[in-house]
Amino acid sequence: MITDSGKEIIAKYLLGQIPSYASHISIGCGASPLDANDVAPLPAVLAEKTKMDFEMIRVPISSRGFVDENGTTKVSFTAELPKESKYDITERGLWSS
C-alpha cells in the first residue's frame, strides 16, 4: 500500500522535481498480523494511514534496482538490518530524505 504522500513523492521524482524517492527503510511491529481466518483490511482503511503504528528501526538503503519476476518488473531496495534486534515484523515503511 502506498499512501497519498508516497504517491506524491514518486510523482515528483518521475517529473524530476526531487533527486530521489527513497533513502531509508523502516520496520515496525505495531500492526497485528493476519492469521488464516482474518479478512484483509479494506484499501480505503489502509489509504488513511499516514504513519507506522510502531517503528522499531530505520536504516539507509544501500542499493536500488529493478527485478524482473515472471514478466513483471518490480522495484527492489536493499538495506542491512542489525541482527541483535529480534521482533515480529508486521509493517514496513519507505522514506525519502
Protein backbone atom coordinates (compact mmCIF):
# COMPACT_ATOMS: atom_id res chain seq x y z
CA MET A 1 0.00 0.00 0.00
CA ILE A 2 1.33 3.43 -0.91
CA THR A 3 -0.03 6.45 0.95
CA ASP A 4 -1.11 9.60 -0.87
CA SER A 5 2.08 11.30 0.34
CA GLY A 6 4.12 8.44 -1.09
CA LYS A 7 2.36 8.72 -4.44
CA GLU A 8 3.09 12.45 -4.46
CA ILE A 9 6.80 11.85 -3.78
CA ILE A 10 7.04 9.25 -6.56
CA ALA A 11 5.25 11.60 -8.98
CA LYS A 12 7.66 14.45 -8.14
CA TYR A 13 10.60 12.08 -8.67
CA LEU A 14 9.26 10.99 -12.06
CA LEU A 15 8.84 14.65 -13.05
CA GLY A 16 12.42 15.44 -11.99
CA GLN A 17 11.35 17.76 -9.17
CA ILE A 18 13.25 15.81 -6.46
CA PRO A 19 16.56 13.89 -6.77
CA SER A 20 15.45 10.60 -5.13
CA TYR A 21 12.32 8.92 -3.87
CA ALA A 22 13.69 6.55 -1.25
CA SER A 23 16.61 6.82 1.14
CA HIS A 24 15.59 4.71 4.16
CA ILE A 25 13.59 1.58 5.00
CA SER A 26 11.92 1.20 8.38
CA ILE A 27 10.40 -1.84 10.02
CA GLY A 28 7.82 -1.96 12.76
CA CYS A 29 5.82 -4.29 14.97
CA GLY A 30 2.71 -2.23 15.67
CA ALA A 31 0.16 -3.70 13.30
CA SER A 32 -1.40 -7.07 14.13
CA PRO A 33 -0.53 -9.70 11.53
CA LEU A 34 -3.39 -11.50 9.84
CA ASP A 35 -3.99 -15.18 10.51
CA ALA A 36 -5.72 -17.74 8.28
CA ASN A 37 -9.22 -16.67 9.41
CA ASP A 38 -8.74 -12.89 9.09
CA VAL A 39 -10.01 -10.72 6.27
CA ALA A 40 -7.55 -8.19 4.85
CA PRO A 41 -8.34 -4.55 5.71
CA LEU A 42 -10.20 -2.61 3.06
CA PRO A 43 -7.96 -0.47 0.81
CA ALA A 44 -9.84 2.65 1.98
CA VAL A 45 -8.85 1.92 5.59
CA LEU A 46 -5.20 1.42 4.65
CA ALA A 47 -5.16 4.54 2.47
CA GLU A 48 -5.98 6.68 5.53
CA LYS A 49 -2.85 5.55 7.40
CA THR A 50 -0.13 8.20 7.42
CA LYS A 51 2.39 6.63 9.79
CA MET A 52 3.54 3.33 11.16
CA ASP A 53 1.98 2.05 14.36
CA PHE A 54 5.36 1.30 15.98
CA GLU A 55 8.63 1.90 14.14
CA MET A 56 11.44 -0.24 15.54
CA ILE A 57 14.33 0.83 13.33
CA ARG A 58 15.10 2.90 10.23
CA VAL A 59 18.13 2.02 8.10
CA PRO A 60 19.63 3.60 4.97
CA ILE A 61 19.02 1.94 1.61
CA SER A 62 22.29 0.56 0.27
CA SER A 63 21.14 -0.27 -3.27
CA ARG A 64 18.17 0.15 -5.59
CA GLY A 65 17.26 -1.66 -8.75
CA PHE A 66 14.69 -3.43 -10.85
CA VAL A 67 13.91 -7.15 -10.75
CA ASP A 68 12.07 -9.00 -13.50
CA GLU A 69 9.95 -11.71 -11.90
CA ASN A 70 7.82 -13.86 -14.24
CA GLY A 71 7.44 -10.99 -16.72
CA THR A 72 6.59 -8.41 -14.03
CA THR A 73 9.13 -5.67 -13.35
CA LYS A 74 9.41 -4.76 -9.66
CA VAL A 75 11.42 -2.13 -7.80
CA SER A 76 13.94 -3.62 -5.38
CA PHE A 77 15.55 -1.91 -2.36
CA THR A 78 18.33 -3.37 -0.22
CA ALA A 79 19.23 -2.40 3.34
CA GLU A 80 21.19 -4.02 6.13
CA LEU A 81 19.27 -4.75 9.34
CA PRO A 82 21.09 -5.33 12.64
CA LYS A 83 20.85 -8.93 13.84
CA GLU A 84 20.67 -8.03 17.53
CA SER A 85 17.04 -6.92 17.29
CA LYS A 86 14.58 -9.80 17.06
CA TYR A 87 10.96 -8.84 16.58
CA ASP A 88 8.00 -10.00 14.56
CA ILE A 89 7.94 -7.55 11.66
CA THR A 90 4.37 -6.63 10.76
CA GLU A 91 4.83 -3.32 8.97
CA ARG A 92 7.43 -1.58 6.87
CA GLY A 93 7.94 1.88 5.51
CA LEU A 94 9.88 3.53 2.73
CA TRP A 95 11.13 7.05 3.45
CA SER A 96 12.66 9.79 1.37
CA SER A 97 15.39 12.01 2.73
